[in-house]
Amino acid sequence: MFLGELEEKSYDESKAKNRVENTVRNWLSLGLFLMSFFLFGCSSEKEIKVYRLAKGKELNSPDLASGEHEQENLPIPRVASAGISWQIPSSWEEKPAGGMRKGSFSARGGVDISAIFLEGNVGGDLANVNRWRQQINLSPWSANDFSEAVVNVRTELGEGQLVDFATGEFSGDRIVAVLVPYKHGIWFFKMTGDYRSVEAQTDAFQEYLHSIHR
């Protein structure tokens, strides 16, 4: 009996030892995984910060002033009416402004970009958005539809509202526009084209919007 108890005790101690060793190995594996994840995350964050710093450099920065490629990618400053200025992404082509358009541009894929300033209330935001929806054969929004779809944005001119709609899900004609009340009127910055071409210009459109100032 005593020998059997010793064997059983020895077996139990061996099992306990194995459990401890397995637990230690598991924690070590988890520690190595977290360490590698942390290092990778730090590396990715560093790359993102460098990228943002490069995008945010002044136009007269020595780093940007040297090199043919950098020069080609510099935005082109322009002055609009109604007391505001902007910079045009280098990939856009400027077109003659006329009529209600204070700025008119085109981008790859047949994308049309316009900057329009109208005095007064001009019928309200919903009425203007529904006119755009009619341009691409979409049914009008109700006031509730508009309030659910609109996204509030902040610009150098003040608070604005962004709308984004298309004739199909990830396909068809698409309009992305920002409406910004300014002084005695309202600015409309609008981009129109087929879905994928507009999607390809969203970064440039944001760059353009961020460049607008008094």
C-alpha atoms as a PDB file:
ATOM      1  CA  MET A   1       0.000   0.000   0.000  1.00  0.00           C
ATOM      2  CA  PHE A   2       2.752   2.414   0.975  1.00  0.00           C
ATOM      3  CA  LEU A   3       4.622   1.765  -2.275  1.00  0.00           C
ATOM      4  CA  GLY A   4       1.425   2.303  -4.228  1.00  0.00           C
ATOM      5  CA  GLU A   5       0.863   5.594  -2.421  1.00  0.00           C
ATOM      6  CA  LEU A   6       4.419   6.689  -3.241  1.00  0.00           C
ATOM      7  CA  GLU A   7       3.916   5.836  -6.903  1.00  0.00           C
ATOM      8  CA  GLU A   8       0.617   7.713  -6.955  1.00  0.00           C
ATOM      9  CA  LYS A   9       2.207  10.700  -5.210  1.00  0.00           C
ATOM     10  CA  SER A  10       5.118  10.667  -7.657  1.00  0.00           C
ATOM     11  CA  TYR A  11       2.655  10.532 -10.571  1.00  0.00           C
ATOM     12  CA  ASP A  12       0.678  13.473  -9.158  1.00  0.00           C
ATOM     13  CA  GLU A  13       3.863  15.514  -8.675  1.00  0.00           C
ATOM     14  CA  SER A  14       4.917  14.750 -12.252  1.00  0.00           C
ATOM     15  CA  LYS A  15       1.533  15.908 -13.565  1.00  0.00           C
ATOM     16  CA  ALA A  16       1.751  19.101 -11.501  1.00  0.00           C
ATOM     17  CA  LYS A  17       5.273  19.756 -12.796  1.00  0.00           C
ATOM     18  CA  ASN A  18       4.097  19.279 -16.369  1.00  0.00           C
ATOM     19  CA  ARG A  19       1.214  21.687 -15.804  1.00  0.00           C
ATOM     20  CA  VAL A  20       3.587  24.329 -14.435  1.00  0.00           C
ATOM     21  CA  GLU A  21       5.986  23.875 -17.358  1.00  0.00           C
ATOM     22  CA  ASN A  22       3.120  24.114 -19.850  1.00  0.00           C
ATOM     23  CA  THR A  23       1.820  27.254 -18.143  1.00  0.00           C
ATOM     24  CA  VAL A  24       5.266  28.874 -18.242  1.00  0.00           C
ATOM     25  CA  ARG A  25       5.668  27.988 -21.930  1.00  0.00           C
ATOM     26  CA  ASN A  26       2.229  29.455 -22.700  1.00  0.00           C
ATOM     27  CA  TRP A  27       3.022  32.725 -20.920  1.00  0.00           C
ATOM     28  CA  LEU A  28       6.397  32.953 -22.632  1.00  0.00           C
ATOM     29  CA  SER A  29       4.754  32.391 -26.021  1.00  0.00           C
ATOM     30  CA  LEU A  30       2.137  35.039 -25.245  1.00  0.00           C
ATOM     31  CA  GLY A  31       4.841  37.444 -24.076  1.00  0.00           C
ATOM     32  CA  LEU A  32       6.827  36.984 -27.282  1.00  0.00           C
ATOM     33  CA  PHE A  33       3.686  37.500 -29.376  1.00  0.00           C
ATOM     34  CA  LEU A  34       2.755  40.697 -27.534  1.00  0.00           C
ATOM     35  CA  MET A  35       6.316  41.968 -27.792  1.00  0.00           C
ATOM     36  CA  SER A  36       6.396  41.380 -31.558  1.00  0.00           C
ATOM     37  CA  PHE A  37       2.949  42.971 -31.916  1.00  0.00           C
ATOM     38  CA  PHE A  38       4.070  45.990 -29.899  1.00  0.00           C
ATOM     39  CA  LEU A  39       7.229  46.407 -31.948  1.00  0.00           C
ATOM     40  CA  PHE A  40       5.297  46.055 -35.202  1.00  0.00           C
ATOM     41  CA  GLY A  41       2.701  48.537 -34.031  1.00  0.00           C
ATOM     42  CA  CYS A  42       5.374  51.044 -33.067  1.00  0.00           C
ATOM     43  CA  SER A  43       6.981  50.631 -36.462  1.00  0.00           C
ATOM     44  CA  SER A  44       3.667  51.147 -38.272  1.00  0.00           C
ATOM     45  CA  GLU A  45       2.820  54.205 -36.173  1.00  0.00           C
ATOM     46  CA  LYS A  46       6.225  55.673 -36.907  1.00  0.00           C
ATOM     47  CA  GLU A  47       5.664  55.227 -40.637  1.00  0.00           C
ATOM     48  CA  ILE A  48       2.255  56.886 -40.409  1.00  0.00           C
ATOM     49  CA  LYS A  49       3.691  59.848 -38.507  1.00  0.00           C
ATOM     50  CA  VAL A  50       6.468  60.322 -41.044  1.00  0.00           C
ATOM     51  CA  TYR A  51       3.932  60.163 -43.884  1.00  0.00           C
ATOM     52  CA  ARG A  52       1.733  62.783 -42.245  1.00  0.00           C
ATOM     53  CA  LEU A  53       4.711  65.002 -41.553  1.00  0.00           C
ATOM     54  CA  ALA A  54       5.737  64.816 -45.189  1.00  0.00           C
ATOM     55  CA  LYS A  55       2.237  65.749 -46.324  1.00  0.00           C
ATOM     56  CA  GLY A  56       2.076  68.637 -43.892  1.00  0.00           C
ATOM     57  CA  LYS A  57       5.358  70.334 -44.871  1.00  0.00           C
ATOM     58  CA  GLU A  58       5.304  73.924 -46.051  1.00  0.00           C
ATOM     59  CA  LEU A  59       5.397  74.494 -49.785  1.00  0.00           C
ATOM     60  CA  ASN A  60       8.762  76.264 -49.490  1.00  0.00           C
ATOM     61  CA  SER A  61      10.340  73.443 -47.468  1.00  0.00           C
ATOM     62  CA  PRO A  62      13.875  72.628 -48.732  1.00  0.00           C
ATOM     63  CA  ASP A  63      12.959  68.941 -48.883  1.00  0.00           C
ATOM     64  CA  LEU A  64      10.024  69.639 -51.162  1.00  0.00           C
ATOM     65  CA  ALA A  65      11.800  72.291 -53.210  1.00  0.00           C
ATOM     66  CA  SER A  66      14.396  69.806 -54.456  1.00  0.00           C
ATOM     67  CA  GLY A  67      13.666  67.092 -56.988  1.00  0.00           C
ATOM     68  CA  GLU A  68      11.596  67.065 -60.130  1.00  0.00           C
ATOM     69  CA  HIS A  69       9.033  64.574 -58.799  1.00  0.00           C
ATOM     70  CA  GLU A  70       8.299  66.649 -55.699  1.00  0.00           C
ATOM     71  CA  GLN A  71       7.914  69.806 -57.759  1.00  0.00           C
ATOM     72  CA  GLU A  72       5.383  68.112 -60.016  1.00  0.00           C
ATOM     73  CA  ASN A  73       3.275  67.067 -57.032  1.00  0.00           C
ATOM     74  CA  LEU A  74       3.067  70.519 -55.461  1.00  0.00           C
ATOM     75  CA  PRO A  75      -0.474  71.957 -55.374  1.00  0.00           C
ATOM     76  CA  ILE A  76      -1.114  75.088 -57.411  1.00  0.00           C
ATOM     77  CA  PRO A  77      -2.313  78.136 -55.427  1.00  0.00           C
ATOM     78  CA  ARG A  78      -5.370  79.956 -56.758  1.00  0.00           C
ATOM     79  CA  VAL A  79      -7.451  82.869 -55.515  1.00  0.00           C
ATOM     80  CA  ALA A  80     -11.225  82.635 -55.799  1.00  0.00           C
ATOM     81  CA  SER A  81     -13.810  85.369 -55.475  1.00  0.00           C
ATOM     82  CA  ALA A  82     -15.879  86.003 -52.334  1.00  0.00           C
ATOM     83  CA  GLY A  83     -12.645  86.535 -50.433  1.00  0.00           C
ATOM     84  CA  ILE A  84     -11.263  82.987 -50.271  1.00  0.00           C
ATOM     85  CA  SER A  85      -8.231  81.171 -51.672  1.00  0.00           C
ATOM     86  CA  TRP A  86      -7.402  77.538 -52.370  1.00  0.00           C
ATOM     87  CA  GLN A  87      -4.731  75.245 -53.736  1.00  0.00           C
ATOM     88  CA  ILE A  88      -5.407  72.842 -56.578  1.00  0.00           C
ATOM     89  CA  PRO A  89      -4.026  69.282 -56.418  1.00  0.00           C
ATOM     90  CA  SER A  90      -1.402  68.813 -59.107  1.00  0.00           C
ATOM     91  CA  SER A  91      -3.332  65.904 -60.625  1.00  0.00           C
ATOM     92  CA  TRP A  92      -6.299  68.156 -61.422  1.00  0.00           C
ATOM     93  CA  GLU A  93      -6.674  70.215 -64.569  1.00  0.00           C
ATOM     94  CA  GLU A  94      -8.110  73.695 -64.219  1.00  0.00           C
ATOM     95  CA  LYS A  95     -10.907  74.676 -66.592  1.00  0.00           C
ATOM     96  CA  PRO A  96     -12.266  78.150 -67.325  1.00  0.00           C
ATOM     97  CA  ALA A  97     -14.702  79.253 -64.634  1.00  0.00           C
ATOM     98  CA  GLY A  98     -17.929  80.787 -65.819  1.00  0.00           C
ATOM     99  CA  GLY A  99     -21.529  81.365 -64.865  1.00  0.00           C
ATOM    100  CA  MET A 100     -22.062  80.419 -61.237  1.00  0.00           C
ATOM    101  CA  ARG A 101     -18.741  78.574 -61.066  1.00  0.00           C
ATOM    102  CA  LYS A 102     -15.937  80.340 -59.232  1.00  0.00           C
ATOM    103  CA  GLY A 103     -13.691  77.342 -59.794  1.00  0.00           C
ATOM    104  CA  SER A 104     -13.886  74.515 -62.317  1.00  0.00           C
ATOM    105  CA  PHE A 105     -11.592  71.486 -62.538  1.00  0.00           C
ATOM    106  CA  SER A 106     -11.374  68.030 -64.061  1.00  0.00           C
ATOM    107  CA  ALA A 107      -9.599  64.903 -62.848  1.00  0.00           C
ATOM    108  CA  ARG A 108      -8.690  61.511 -64.251  1.00  0.00           C
ATOM    109  CA  GLY A 109     -11.624  59.358 -65.297  1.00  0.00           C
ATOM    110  CA  GLY A 110     -13.802  62.296 -66.335  1.00  0.00           C
ATOM    111  CA  VAL A 111     -14.425  63.538 -62.790  1.00  0.00           C
ATOM    112  CA  ASP A 112     -15.811  67.085 -62.679  1.00  0.00           C
ATOM    113  CA  ILE A 113     -15.131  69.331 -59.683  1.00  0.00           C
ATOM    114  CA  SER A 114     -16.822  72.675 -59.160  1.00  0.00           C
ATOM    115  CA  ALA A 115     -16.732  75.507 -56.629  1.00  0.00           C
ATOM    116  CA  ILE A 116     -19.881  77.631 -56.660  1.00  0.00           C
ATOM    117  CA  PHE A 117     -20.808  80.597 -54.476  1.00  0.00           C
ATOM    118  CA  LEU A 118     -24.406  81.758 -54.307  1.00  0.00           C
ATOM    119  CA  GLU A 119     -25.747  84.668 -52.312  1.00  0.00           C
ATOM    120  CA  GLY A 120     -28.661  84.273 -49.929  1.00  0.00           C
ATOM    121  CA  ASN A 121     -30.367  81.087 -48.791  1.00  0.00           C
ATOM    122  CA  VAL A 122     -30.885  79.803 -52.383  1.00  0.00           C
ATOM    123  CA  GLY A 123     -33.767  77.545 -51.352  1.00  0.00           C
ATOM    124  CA  GLY A 124     -32.072  75.718 -48.492  1.00  0.00           C
ATOM    125  CA  ASP A 125     -29.617  72.835 -48.309  1.00  0.00           C
ATOM    126  CA  LEU A 126     -32.169  70.079 -48.905  1.00  0.00           C
ATOM    127  CA  ALA A 127     -33.487  71.712 -52.076  1.00  0.00           C
ATOM    128  CA  ASN A 128     -29.977  72.056 -53.486  1.00  0.00           C
ATOM    129  CA  VAL A 129     -29.035  68.478 -52.645  1.00  0.00           C
ATOM    130  CA  ASN A 130     -32.222  67.199 -54.270  1.00  0.00           C
ATOM    131  CA  ARG A 131     -31.369  69.115 -57.450  1.00  0.00           C
ATOM    132  CA  TRP A 132     -28.058  67.254 -57.527  1.00  0.00           C
ATOM    133  CA  ARG A 133     -29.808  63.952 -56.929  1.00  0.00           C
ATOM    134  CA  GLN A 134     -32.112  64.732 -59.844  1.00  0.00           C
ATOM    135  CA  GLN A 135     -29.048  65.302 -62.046  1.00  0.00           C
ATOM    136  CA  ILE A 136     -28.130  61.610 -61.687  1.00  0.00           C
ATOM    137  CA  ASN A 137     -31.731  60.367 -61.772  1.00  0.00           C
ATOM    138  CA  LEU A 138     -32.141  59.686 -58.059  1.00  0.00           C
ATOM    139  CA  SER A 139     -35.362  60.264 -56.143  1.00  0.00           C
ATOM    140  CA  PRO A 140     -35.405  63.274 -53.805  1.00  0.00           C
ATOM    141  CA  TRP A 141     -34.573  62.982 -50.138  1.00  0.00           C
ATOM    142  CA  SER A 142     -37.008  63.844 -47.408  1.00  0.00           C
ATOM    143  CA  ALA A 143     -35.863  66.105 -44.584  1.00  0.00           C
ATOM    144  CA  ASN A 144     -35.365  62.984 -42.477  1.00  0.00           C
ATOM    145  CA  ASP A 145     -33.325  61.287 -45.233  1.00  0.00           C
ATOM    146  CA  PHE A 146     -31.108  64.350 -45.451  1.00  0.00           C
ATOM    147  CA  SER A 147     -30.528  64.611 -41.696  1.00  0.00           C
ATOM    148  CA  GLU A 148     -29.553  60.926 -41.539  1.00  0.00           C
ATOM    149  CA  ALA A 149     -27.197  61.088 -44.532  1.00  0.00           C
ATOM    150  CA  VAL A 150     -25.430  64.398 -43.954  1.00  0.00           C
ATOM    151  CA  VAL A 151     -22.063  64.520 -42.179  1.00  0.00           C
ATOM    152  CA  ASN A 152     -20.979  67.670 -40.357  1.00  0.00           C
ATOM    153  CA  VAL A 153     -17.482  68.845 -41.274  1.00  0.00           C
ATOM    154  CA  ARG A 154     -15.238  71.684 -40.157  1.00  0.00           C
ATOM    155  CA  THR A 155     -13.529  73.922 -42.708  1.00  0.00           C
ATOM    156  CA  GLU A 156     -11.483  77.114 -42.542  1.00  0.00           C
ATOM    157  CA  LEU A 157     -14.607  78.948 -43.695  1.00  0.00           C
ATOM    158  CA  GLY A 158     -16.732  77.516 -40.881  1.00  0.00           C
ATOM    159  CA  GLU A 159     -18.966  74.527 -40.260  1.00  0.00           C
ATOM    160  CA  GLY A 160     -20.149  72.667 -43.342  1.00  0.00           C
ATOM    161  CA  GLN A 161     -22.165  69.622 -44.347  1.00  0.00           C
ATOM    162  CA  LEU A 162     -20.982  66.748 -46.526  1.00  0.00           C
ATOM    163  CA  VAL A 163     -23.217  64.518 -48.648  1.00  0.00           C
ATOM    164  CA  ASP A 164     -22.187  61.453 -50.645  1.00  0.00           C
ATOM    165  CA  PHE A 165     -24.589  59.445 -52.810  1.00  0.00           C
ATOM    166  CA  ALA A 166     -24.553  57.243 -55.921  1.00  0.00           C
ATOM    167  CA  THR A 167     -26.979  55.554 -58.278  1.00  0.00           C
ATOM    168  CA  GLY A 168     -25.749  52.094 -57.270  1.00  0.00           C
ATOM    169  CA  GLU A 169     -23.917  50.385 -54.456  1.00  0.00           C
ATOM    170  CA  PHE A 170     -20.225  50.906 -55.292  1.00  0.00           C
ATOM    171  CA  SER A 171     -21.166  51.632 -58.915  1.00  0.00           C
ATOM    172  CA  GLY A 172     -22.927  54.089 -61.200  1.00  0.00           C
ATOM    173  CA  ASP A 173     -22.830  57.892 -61.033  1.00  0.00           C
ATOM    174  CA  ARG A 174     -21.708  59.468 -57.775  1.00  0.00           C
ATOM    175  CA  ILE A 175     -21.725  62.925 -56.213  1.00  0.00           C
ATOM    176  CA  VAL A 176     -19.683  64.042 -53.221  1.00  0.00           C
ATOM    177  CA  ALA A 177     -20.335  67.607 -52.101  1.00  0.00           C
ATOM    178  CA  VAL A 178     -19.692  69.955 -49.199  1.00  0.00           C
ATOM    179  CA  LEU A 179     -21.993  72.879 -48.432  1.00  0.00           C
ATOM    180  CA  VAL A 180     -20.496  75.718 -46.376  1.00  0.00           C
ATOM    181  CA  PRO A 181     -22.487  78.814 -45.333  1.00  0.00           C
ATOM    182  CA  TYR A 182     -20.191  81.817 -45.650  1.00  0.00           C
ATOM    183  CA  LYS A 183     -20.962  85.448 -44.919  1.00  0.00           C
ATOM    184  CA  HIS A 184     -24.021  86.418 -46.972  1.00  0.00           C
ATOM    185  CA  GLY A 185     -24.256  83.228 -49.024  1.00  0.00           C
ATOM    186  CA  ILE A 186     -23.124  79.625 -49.336  1.00  0.00           C
ATOM    187  CA  TRP A 187     -20.259  77.765 -50.980  1.00  0.00           C
ATOM    188  CA  PHE A 188     -20.836  74.474 -52.787  1.00  0.00           C
ATOM    189  CA  PHE A 189     -17.806  72.284 -53.472  1.00  0.00           C
ATOM    190  CA  LYS A 190     -18.950  69.359 -55.590  1.00  0.00           C
ATOM    191  CA  MET A 191     -17.320  66.356 -57.280  1.00  0.00           C
ATOM    192  CA  THR A 192     -19.233  64.321 -59.878  1.00  0.00           C
ATOM    193  CA  GLY A 193     -18.358  61.247 -61.939  1.00  0.00           C
ATOM    194  CA  ASP A 194     -18.600  57.476 -62.057  1.00  0.00           C
ATOM    195  CA  TYR A 195     -18.279  55.760 -58.694  1.00  0.00           C
ATOM    196  CA  ARG A 196     -14.753  54.361 -58.976  1.00  0.00           C
ATOM    197  CA  SER A 197     -13.283  57.501 -60.542  1.00  0.00           C
ATOM    198  CA  VAL A 198     -14.776  59.676 -57.801  1.00  0.00           C
ATOM    199  CA  GLU A 199     -13.499  57.249 -55.164  1.00  0.00           C
ATOM    200  CA  ALA A 200      -9.992  57.580 -56.614  1.00  0.00           C
ATOM    201  CA  GLN A 201     -10.177  61.376 -56.181  1.00  0.00           C
ATOM    202  CA  THR A 202     -11.488  61.518 -52.605  1.00  0.00           C
ATOM    203  CA  ASP A 203      -8.026  62.114 -51.108  1.00  0.00           C
ATOM    204  CA  ALA A 204      -7.323  64.915 -53.592  1.00  0.00           C
ATOM    205  CA  PHE A 205     -10.768  66.390 -52.905  1.00  0.00           C
ATOM    206  CA  GLN A 206     -10.061  66.412 -49.160  1.00  0.00           C
ATOM    207  CA  GLU A 207      -6.674  67.997 -49.846  1.00  0.00           C
ATOM    208  CA  TYR A 208      -8.417  70.694 -51.857  1.00  0.00           C
ATOM    209  CA  LEU A 209     -11.007  71.327 -49.131  1.00  0.00           C
ATOM    210  CA  HIS A 210      -8.312  71.550 -46.450  1.00  0.00           C
ATOM    211  CA  SER A 211      -6.447  74.150 -48.523  1.00  0.00           C
ATOM    212  CA  ILE A 212      -9.400  76.547 -48.702  1.00  0.00           C
ATOM    213  CA  HIS A 213      -8.951  79.595 -46.491  1.00  0.00           C
ATOM    214  CA  ARG A 214     -10.058  83.184 -46.145  1.00  0.00           C
END
